[in-house]
Amino acid sequence: RIVSVTALEARYPRRRQALLKEWREAEGIPV
């Protein structure tokens, strides 16, 4: 369903691992 994607130069302000950890906890997905 993604029609187009453009990579931006801007980095996101949070670390990927922190987002992944937050998502796993919210979804109940064990590491």
PDB file of all heavy atoms in Angstrom:
ATOM      1  N   ARG A   1       0.813  -1.220   0.000  1.00  0.00           N
ATOM      2  CA  ARG A   1       0.000   0.000   0.000  1.00  0.00           C
ATOM      3  C   ARG A   1       0.849   1.275   0.000  1.00  0.00           C
ATOM      4  O   ARG A   1       0.302   2.371  -0.033  1.00  0.00           O
ATOM      5  CB  ARG A   1      -0.924   0.001   1.206  1.00  0.00           C
ATOM      6  CG  ARG A   1      -1.971  -1.101   1.144  1.00  0.00           C
ATOM      7  CD  ARG A   1      -2.891  -1.019   2.320  1.00  0.00           C
ATOM      8  NE  ARG A   1      -3.855  -2.104   2.307  1.00  0.00           N
ATOM      9  CZ  ARG A   1      -4.494  -2.544   3.379  1.00  0.00           C
ATOM     10  NH1 ARG A   1      -4.278  -1.965   4.553  1.00  0.00           N
ATOM     11  NH2 ARG A   1      -5.344  -3.543   3.289  1.00  0.00           N
ATOM     12  N   ILE A   2       2.169   1.109   0.058  1.00  0.00           N
ATOM     13  CA  ILE A   2       3.045   2.272  -0.045  1.00  0.00           C
ATOM     14  C   ILE A   2       3.180   2.585  -1.529  1.00  0.00           C
ATOM     15  O   ILE A   2       3.671   1.779  -2.310  1.00  0.00           O
ATOM     16  CB  ILE A   2       4.424   2.010   0.593  1.00  0.00           C
ATOM     17  CG1 ILE A   2       4.271   1.677   2.084  1.00  0.00           C
ATOM     18  CG2 ILE A   2       5.328   3.232   0.404  1.00  0.00           C
ATOM     19  CD1 ILE A   2       5.567   1.248   2.762  1.00  0.00           C
ATOM     20  N   VAL A   3       2.712   3.751  -1.913  1.00  0.00           N
ATOM     21  CA  VAL A   3       2.690   4.157  -3.318  1.00  0.00           C
ATOM     22  C   VAL A   3       4.052   4.673  -3.763  1.00  0.00           C
ATOM     23  O   VAL A   3       4.515   4.385  -4.865  1.00  0.00           O
ATOM     24  CB  VAL A   3       1.600   5.220  -3.553  1.00  0.00           C
ATOM     25  CG1 VAL A   3       1.605   5.715  -4.980  1.00  0.00           C
ATOM     26  CG2 VAL A   3       0.235   4.672  -3.153  1.00  0.00           C
ATOM     27  N   SER A   4       4.698   5.449  -2.905  1.00  0.00           N
ATOM     28  CA  SER A   4       6.033   5.966  -3.214  1.00  0.00           C
ATOM     29  C   SER A   4       6.783   6.178  -1.904  1.00  0.00           C
ATOM     30  O   SER A   4       6.188   6.341  -0.841  1.00  0.00           O
ATOM     31  CB  SER A   4       5.952   7.273  -3.999  1.00  0.00           C
ATOM     32  OG  SER A   4       5.410   8.295  -3.198  1.00  0.00           O
ATOM     33  N   VAL A   5       8.096   6.165  -2.023  1.00  0.00           N
ATOM     34  CA  VAL A   5       8.951   6.382  -0.855  1.00  0.00           C
ATOM     35  C   VAL A   5      10.132   7.237  -1.287  1.00  0.00           C
ATOM     36  O   VAL A   5      10.712   7.033  -2.351  1.00  0.00           O
ATOM     37  CB  VAL A   5       9.416   5.046  -0.224  1.00  0.00           C
ATOM     38  CG1 VAL A   5      10.247   4.232  -1.187  1.00  0.00           C
ATOM     39  CG2 VAL A   5      10.167   5.271   1.058  1.00  0.00           C
ATOM     40  N   THR A   6      10.444   8.222  -0.443  1.00  0.00           N
ATOM     41  CA  THR A   6      11.592   9.083  -0.686  1.00  0.00           C
ATOM     42  C   THR A   6      12.433   9.089   0.581  1.00  0.00           C
ATOM     43  O   THR A   6      11.927   9.414   1.663  1.00  0.00           O
ATOM     44  CB  THR A   6      11.152  10.530  -1.014  1.00  0.00           C
ATOM     45  OG1 THR A   6      10.284  10.494  -2.150  1.00  0.00           O
ATOM     46  CG2 THR A   6      12.343  11.418  -1.292  1.00  0.00           C
ATOM     47  N   ALA A   7      13.700   8.728   0.424  1.00  0.00           N
ATOM     48  CA  ALA A   7      14.616   8.771   1.561  1.00  0.00           C
ATOM     49  C   ALA A   7      14.980  10.218   1.845  1.00  0.00           C
ATOM     50  O   ALA A   7      15.290  10.983   0.929  1.00  0.00           O
ATOM     51  CB  ALA A   7      15.866   7.959   1.250  1.00  0.00           C
ATOM     52  N   LEU A   8      14.904  10.604   3.110  1.00  0.00           N
ATOM     53  CA  LEU A   8      15.239  11.960   3.527  1.00  0.00           C
ATOM     54  C   LEU A   8      16.618  11.972   4.175  1.00  0.00           C
ATOM     55  O   LEU A   8      17.071  10.948   4.698  1.00  0.00           O
ATOM     56  CB  LEU A   8      14.186  12.484   4.503  1.00  0.00           C
ATOM     57  CG  LEU A   8      12.737  12.475   3.989  1.00  0.00           C
ATOM     58  CD1 LEU A   8      11.780  12.917   5.085  1.00  0.00           C
ATOM     59  CD2 LEU A   8      12.606  13.353   2.751  1.00  0.00           C
ATOM     60  N   GLU A   9      17.264  13.107   4.143  1.00  0.00           N
ATOM     61  CA  GLU A   9      18.592  13.234   4.777  1.00  0.00           C
ATOM     62  C   GLU A   9      18.475  13.262   6.301  1.00  0.00           C
ATOM     63  O   GLU A   9      19.409  12.889   7.001  1.00  0.00           O
ATOM     64  CB  GLU A   9      19.306  14.488   4.273  1.00  0.00           C
ATOM     65  CG  GLU A   9      19.808  14.358   2.851  1.00  0.00           C
ATOM     66  CD  GLU A   9      20.828  13.239   2.686  1.00  0.00           C
ATOM     67  OE1 GLU A   9      21.753  13.132   3.523  1.00  0.00           O
ATOM     68  OE2 GLU A   9      20.683  12.460   1.722  1.00  0.00           O
ATOM     69  N   ALA A  10      17.344  13.713   6.796  1.00  0.00           N
ATOM     70  CA  ALA A  10      17.169  13.886   8.241  1.00  0.00           C
ATOM     71  C   ALA A  10      17.172  12.546   8.961  1.00  0.00           C
ATOM     72  O   ALA A  10      16.492  11.605   8.560  1.00  0.00           O
ATOM     73  CB  ALA A  10      15.865  14.613   8.523  1.00  0.00           C
ATOM     74  N   ARG A  11      17.943  12.499  10.017  1.00  0.00           N
ATOM     75  CA  ARG A  11      17.927  11.321  10.892  1.00  0.00           C
ATOM     76  C   ARG A  11      16.771  11.482  11.864  1.00  0.00           C
ATOM     77  O   ARG A  11      16.394  12.596  12.213  1.00  0.00           O
ATOM     78  CB  ARG A  11      19.243  11.214  11.664  1.00  0.00           C
ATOM     79  CG  ARG A  11      20.438  10.908  10.772  1.00  0.00           C
ATOM     80  CD  ARG A  11      21.684  10.788  11.624  1.00  0.00           C
ATOM     81  NE  ARG A  11      21.546   9.665  12.527  1.00  0.00           N
ATOM     82  CZ  ARG A  11      22.274   8.554  12.474  1.00  0.00           C
ATOM     83  NH1 ARG A  11      23.195   8.427  11.571  1.00  0.00           N
ATOM     84  NH2 ARG A  11      22.090   7.583  13.340  1.00  0.00           N
ATOM     85  N   TYR A  12      16.222  10.364  12.298  1.00  0.00           N
ATOM     86  CA  TYR A  12      15.180  10.523  13.299  1.00  0.00           C
ATOM     87  C   TYR A  12      15.799  10.667  14.683  1.00  0.00           C
ATOM     88  O   TYR A  12      16.923  10.235  14.922  1.00  0.00           O
ATOM     89  CB  TYR A  12      14.105   9.448  13.228  1.00  0.00           C
ATOM     90  CG  TYR A  12      14.470   8.000  12.999  1.00  0.00           C
ATOM     91  CD1 TYR A  12      14.869   7.185  14.039  1.00  0.00           C
ATOM     92  CD2 TYR A  12      14.317   7.418  11.744  1.00  0.00           C
ATOM     93  CE1 TYR A  12      15.121   5.848  13.844  1.00  0.00           C
ATOM     94  CE2 TYR A  12      14.569   6.085  11.535  1.00  0.00           C
ATOM     95  CZ  TYR A  12      14.974   5.290  12.593  1.00  0.00           C
ATOM     96  OH  TYR A  12      15.230   3.958  12.404  1.00  0.00           O
ATOM     97  N   PRO A  13      15.091  11.355  15.592  1.00  0.00           N
ATOM     98  CA  PRO A  13      15.699  11.764  16.851  1.00  0.00           C
ATOM     99  C   PRO A  13      15.854  10.671  17.904  1.00  0.00           C
ATOM    100  O   PRO A  13      16.516  10.903  18.917  1.00  0.00           O
ATOM    101  CB  PRO A  13      14.753  12.863  17.354  1.00  0.00           C
ATOM    102  CG  PRO A  13      13.448  12.547  16.735  1.00  0.00           C
ATOM    103  CD  PRO A  13      13.758  11.935  15.404  1.00  0.00           C
ATOM    104  N   ARG A  14      15.266   9.525  17.683  1.00  0.00           N
ATOM    105  CA  ARG A  14      15.392   8.430  18.655  1.00  0.00           C
ATOM    106  C   ARG A  14      16.164   7.292  18.021  1.00  0.00           C
ATOM    107  O   ARG A  14      16.155   7.125  16.810  1.00  0.00           O
ATOM    108  CB  ARG A  14      14.010   7.956  19.101  1.00  0.00           C
ATOM    109  CG  ARG A  14      13.282   9.078  19.847  1.00  0.00           C
ATOM    110  CD  ARG A  14      11.959   8.670  20.396  1.00  0.00           C
ATOM    111  NE  ARG A  14      12.054   7.514  21.238  1.00  0.00           N
ATOM    112  CZ  ARG A  14      11.046   6.653  21.437  1.00  0.00           C
ATOM    113  NH1 ARG A  14       9.893   6.853  20.849  1.00  0.00           N
ATOM    114  NH2 ARG A  14      11.188   5.620  22.211  1.00  0.00           N
ATOM    115  N   ARG A  15      16.793   6.474  18.822  1.00  0.00           N
ATOM    116  CA  ARG A  15      17.558   5.333  18.311  1.00  0.00           C
ATOM    117  C   ARG A  15      16.607   4.230  17.860  1.00  0.00           C
ATOM    118  O   ARG A  15      15.565   3.995  18.469  1.00  0.00           O
ATOM    119  CB  ARG A  15      18.502   4.782  19.377  1.00  0.00           C
ATOM    120  CG  ARG A  15      19.593   5.746  19.830  1.00  0.00           C
ATOM    121  CD  ARG A  15      20.477   6.228  18.708  1.00  0.00           C
ATOM    122  NE  ARG A  15      20.959   5.128  17.901  1.00  0.00           N
ATOM    123  CZ  ARG A  15      22.181   4.987  17.458  1.00  0.00           C
ATOM    124  NH1 ARG A  15      23.067   5.905  17.710  1.00  0.00           N
ATOM    125  NH2 ARG A  15      22.524   3.952  16.733  1.00  0.00           N
ATOM    126  N   ARG A  16      17.000   3.567  16.783  1.00  0.00           N
ATOM    127  CA  ARG A  16      16.197   2.473  16.232  1.00  0.00           C
ATOM    128  C   ARG A  16      15.947   1.396  17.283  1.00  0.00           C
ATOM    129  O   ARG A  16      14.837   0.889  17.417  1.00  0.00           O
ATOM    130  CB  ARG A  16      16.930   1.894  15.019  1.00  0.00           C
ATOM    131  CG  ARG A  16      16.281   0.660  14.448  1.00  0.00           C
ATOM    132  CD  ARG A  16      17.128   0.054  13.377  1.00  0.00           C
ATOM    133  NE  ARG A  16      18.459  -0.152  13.932  1.00  0.00           N
ATOM    134  CZ  ARG A  16      19.528  -0.465  13.236  1.00  0.00           C
ATOM    135  NH1 ARG A  16      19.452  -0.597  11.944  1.00  0.00           N
ATOM    136  NH2 ARG A  16      20.681  -0.635  13.807  1.00  0.00           N
ATOM    137  N   GLN A  17      16.968   1.038  18.037  1.00  0.00           N
ATOM    138  CA  GLN A  17      16.822  -0.024  19.041  1.00  0.00           C
ATOM    139  C   GLN A  17      15.811   0.360  20.123  1.00  0.00           C
ATOM    140  O   GLN A  17      15.075  -0.480  20.619  1.00  0.00           O
ATOM    141  CB  GLN A  17      18.172  -0.370  19.676  1.00  0.00           C
ATOM    142  CG  GLN A  17      19.089  -1.134  18.742  1.00  0.00           C
ATOM    143  CD  GLN A  17      18.499  -2.454  18.280  1.00  0.00           C
ATOM    144  OE1 GLN A  17      17.798  -2.511  17.269  1.00  0.00           O
ATOM    145  NE2 GLN A  17      18.750  -3.506  19.007  1.00  0.00           N
ATOM    146  N   ALA A  18      15.770   1.630  20.498  1.00  0.00           N
ATOM    147  CA  ALA A  18      14.797   2.083  21.499  1.00  0.00           C
ATOM    148  C   ALA A  18      13.377   1.969  20.948  1.00  0.00           C
ATOM    149  O   ALA A  18      12.459   1.530  21.653  1.00  0.00           O
ATOM    150  CB  ALA A  18      15.097   3.520  21.922  1.00  0.00           C
ATOM    151  N   LEU A  19      13.186   2.345  19.686  1.00  0.00           N
ATOM    152  CA  LEU A  19      11.868   2.216  19.063  1.00  0.00           C
ATOM    153  C   LEU A  19      11.454   0.754  18.958  1.00  0.00           C
ATOM    154  O   LEU A  19      10.306   0.398  19.246  1.00  0.00           O
ATOM    155  CB  LEU A  19      11.874   2.869  17.670  1.00  0.00           C
ATOM    156  CG  LEU A  19      11.999   4.383  17.642  1.00  0.00           C
ATOM    157  CD1 LEU A  19      12.379   4.856  16.246  1.00  0.00           C
ATOM    158  CD2 LEU A  19      10.718   5.030  18.113  1.00  0.00           C
ATOM    159  N   LEU A  20      12.388  -0.085  18.568  1.00  0.00           N
ATOM    160  CA  LEU A  20      12.112  -1.515  18.452  1.00  0.00           C
ATOM    161  C   LEU A  20      11.734  -2.117  19.808  1.00  0.00           C
ATOM    162  O   LEU A  20      10.773  -2.885  19.915  1.00  0.00           O
ATOM    163  CB  LEU A  20      13.321  -2.227  17.851  1.00  0.00           C
ATOM    164  CG  LEU A  20      13.156  -3.678  17.463  1.00  0.00           C
ATOM    165  CD1 LEU A  20      12.054  -3.878  16.441  1.00  0.00           C
ATOM    166  CD2 LEU A  20      14.481  -4.231  16.921  1.00  0.00           C
ATOM    167  N   LYS A  21      12.458  -1.732  20.828  1.00  0.00           N
ATOM    168  CA  LYS A  21      12.165  -2.233  22.176  1.00  0.00           C
ATOM    169  C   LYS A  21      10.770  -1.782  22.631  1.00  0.00           C
ATOM    170  O   LYS A  21       9.993  -2.577  23.160  1.00  0.00           O
ATOM    171  CB  LYS A  21      13.227  -1.740  23.159  1.00  0.00           C
ATOM    172  CG  LYS A  21      13.013  -2.240  24.568  1.00  0.00           C
ATOM    173  CD  LYS A  21      14.092  -1.751  25.511  1.00  0.00           C
ATOM    174  CE  LYS A  21      13.832  -2.336  26.871  1.00  0.00           C
ATOM    175  NZ  LYS A  21      14.347  -1.552  27.951  1.00  0.00           N
ATOM    176  N   GLU A  22      10.458  -0.524  22.417  1.00  0.00           N
ATOM    177  CA  GLU A  22       9.142   0.023  22.792  1.00  0.00           C
ATOM    178  C   GLU A  22       8.025  -0.726  22.054  1.00  0.00           C
ATOM    179  O   GLU A  22       7.005  -1.089  22.637  1.00  0.00           O
ATOM    180  CB  GLU A  22       9.105   1.510  22.443  1.00  0.00           C
ATOM    181  CG  GLU A  22       7.811   2.213  22.742  1.00  0.00           C
ATOM    182  CD  GLU A  22       7.862   3.665  22.289  1.00  0.00           C
ATOM    183  OE1 GLU A  22       8.896   4.328  22.473  1.00  0.00           O
ATOM    184  OE2 GLU A  22       6.847   4.135  21.740  1.00  0.00           O
ATOM    185  N   TRP A  23       8.229  -0.956  20.759  1.00  0.00           N
ATOM    186  CA  TRP A  23       7.228  -1.663  19.949  1.00  0.00           C
ATOM    187  C   TRP A  23       7.053  -3.102  20.426  1.00  0.00           C
ATOM    188  O   TRP A  23       5.922  -3.569  20.571  1.00  0.00           O
ATOM    189  CB  TRP A  23       7.647  -1.617  18.482  1.00  0.00           C
ATOM    190  CG  TRP A  23       6.801  -2.440  17.573  1.00  0.00           C
ATOM    191  CD1 TRP A  23       5.533  -2.165  17.149  1.00  0.00           C
ATOM    192  CD2 TRP A  23       7.154  -3.684  16.981  1.00  0.00           C
ATOM    193  NE1 TRP A  23       5.079  -3.165  16.317  1.00  0.00           N
ATOM    194  CE2 TRP A  23       6.065  -4.116  16.203  1.00  0.00           C
ATOM    195  CE3 TRP A  23       8.302  -4.483  17.022  1.00  0.00           C
ATOM    196  CZ2 TRP A  23       6.083  -5.297  15.482  1.00  0.00           C
ATOM    197  CZ3 TRP A  23       8.324  -5.658  16.305  1.00  0.00           C
ATOM    198  CH2 TRP A  23       7.211  -6.047  15.550  1.00  0.00           C
ATOM    199  N   ARG A  24       8.159  -3.789  20.681  1.00  0.00           N
ATOM    200  CA  ARG A  24       8.069  -5.180  21.158  1.00  0.00           C
ATOM    201  C   ARG A  24       7.303  -5.262  22.473  1.00  0.00           C
ATOM    202  O   ARG A  24       6.481  -6.153  22.664  1.00  0.00           O
ATOM    203  CB  ARG A  24       9.461  -5.783  21.321  1.00  0.00           C
ATOM    204  CG  ARG A  24      10.078  -6.224  20.031  1.00  0.00           C
ATOM    205  CD  ARG A  24      11.392  -6.934  20.283  1.00  0.00           C
ATOM    206  NE  ARG A  24      11.841  -7.580  19.084  1.00  0.00           N
ATOM    207  CZ  ARG A  24      13.094  -7.603  18.676  1.00  0.00           C
ATOM    208  NH1 ARG A  24      14.034  -7.008  19.400  1.00  0.00           N
ATOM    209  NH2 ARG A  24      13.416  -8.223  17.570  1.00  0.00           N
ATOM    210  N   GLU A  25       7.597  -4.349  23.373  1.00  0.00           N
ATOM    211  CA  GLU A  25       6.890  -4.336  24.657  1.00  0.00           C
ATOM    212  C   GLU A  25       5.399  -4.082  24.468  1.00  0.00           C
ATOM    213  O   GLU A  25       4.572  -4.742  25.072  1.00  0.00           O
ATOM    214  CB  GLU A  25       7.518  -3.301  25.597  1.00  0.00           C
ATOM    215  CG  GLU A  25       8.878  -3.717  26.108  1.00  0.00           C
ATOM    216  CD  GLU A  25       9.599  -2.615  26.877  1.00  0.00           C
ATOM    217  OE1 GLU A  25       9.088  -1.468  26.964  1.00  0.00           O
ATOM    218  OE2 GLU A  25      10.708  -2.898  27.369  1.00  0.00           O
ATOM    219  N   ALA A  26       5.063  -3.123  23.622  1.00  0.00           N
ATOM    220  CA  ALA A  26       3.658  -2.785  23.394  1.00  0.00           C
ATOM    221  C   ALA A  26       2.910  -3.932  22.723  1.00  0.00           C
ATOM    222  O   ALA A  26       1.726  -4.149  22.998  1.00  0.00           O
ATOM    223  CB  ALA A  26       3.550  -1.530  22.532  1.00  0.00           C
ATOM    224  N   GLU A  27       3.591  -4.668  21.847  1.00  0.00           N
ATOM    225  CA  GLU A  27       2.964  -5.771  21.112  1.00  0.00           C
ATOM    226  C   GLU A  27       3.096  -7.115  21.826  1.00  0.00           C
ATOM    227  O   GLU A  27       2.537  -8.124  21.363  1.00  0.00           O
ATOM    228  CB  GLU A  27       3.580  -5.889  19.700  1.00  0.00           C
ATOM    229  CG  GLU A  27       3.338  -4.679  18.830  1.00  0.00           C
ATOM    230  CD  GLU A  27       1.894  -4.527  18.399  1.00  0.00           C
ATOM    231  OE1 GLU A  27       1.201  -5.547  18.194  1.00  0.00           O
ATOM    232  OE2 GLU A  27       1.439  -3.366  18.260  1.00  0.00           O
ATOM    233  N   GLY A  28       3.868  -7.155  22.932  1.00  0.00           N
ATOM    234  CA  GLY A  28       4.064  -8.414  23.652  1.00  0.00           C
ATOM    235  C   GLY A  28       4.935  -9.400  22.879  1.00  0.00           C
ATOM    236  O   GLY A  28       4.750 -10.615  22.975  1.00  0.00           O
ATOM    237  N   ILE A  29       5.908  -8.879  22.142  1.00  0.00           N
ATOM    238  CA  ILE A  29       6.789  -9.721  21.339  1.00  0.00           C
ATOM    239  C   ILE A  29       8.098  -9.915  22.102  1.00  0.00           C
ATOM    240  O   ILE A  29       8.824  -8.950  22.350  1.00  0.00           O
ATOM    241  CB  ILE A  29       7.064  -9.074  19.953  1.00  0.00           C
ATOM    242  CG1 ILE A  29       5.752  -8.906  19.199  1.00  0.00           C
ATOM    243  CG2 ILE A  29       8.073  -9.901  19.155  1.00  0.00           C
ATOM    244  CD1 ILE A  29       5.869  -8.089  17.945  1.00  0.00           C
ATOM    245  N   PRO A  30       8.411 -11.157  22.465  1.00  0.00           N
ATOM    246  CA  PRO A  30       9.649 -11.394  23.207  1.00  0.00           C
ATOM    247  C   PRO A  30      10.891 -11.245  22.312  1.00  0.00           C
ATOM    248  O   PRO A  30      10.818 -11.429  21.095  1.00  0.00           O
ATOM    249  CB  PRO A  30       9.524 -12.847  23.683  1.00  0.00           C
ATOM    250  CG  PRO A  30       8.582 -13.474  22.698  1.00  0.00           C
ATOM    251  CD  PRO A  30       7.670 -12.377  22.228  1.00  0.00           C
ATOM    252  N   VAL A  31      11.997 -10.880  22.927  1.00  0.00           N
ATOM    253  CA  VAL A  31      13.282 -10.811  22.224  1.00  0.00           C
ATOM    254  C   VAL A  31      13.840 -12.229  22.185  1.00  0.00           C
ATOM    255  O   VAL A  31      13.895 -12.906  23.204  1.00  0.00           O
ATOM    256  CB  VAL A  31      14.256  -9.864  22.965  1.00  0.00           C
ATOM    257  CG1 VAL A  31      15.618  -9.856  22.267  1.00  0.00           C
ATOM    258  CG2 VAL A  31      13.678  -8.469  23.029  1.00  0.00           C
TER     259      VAL A  31
END
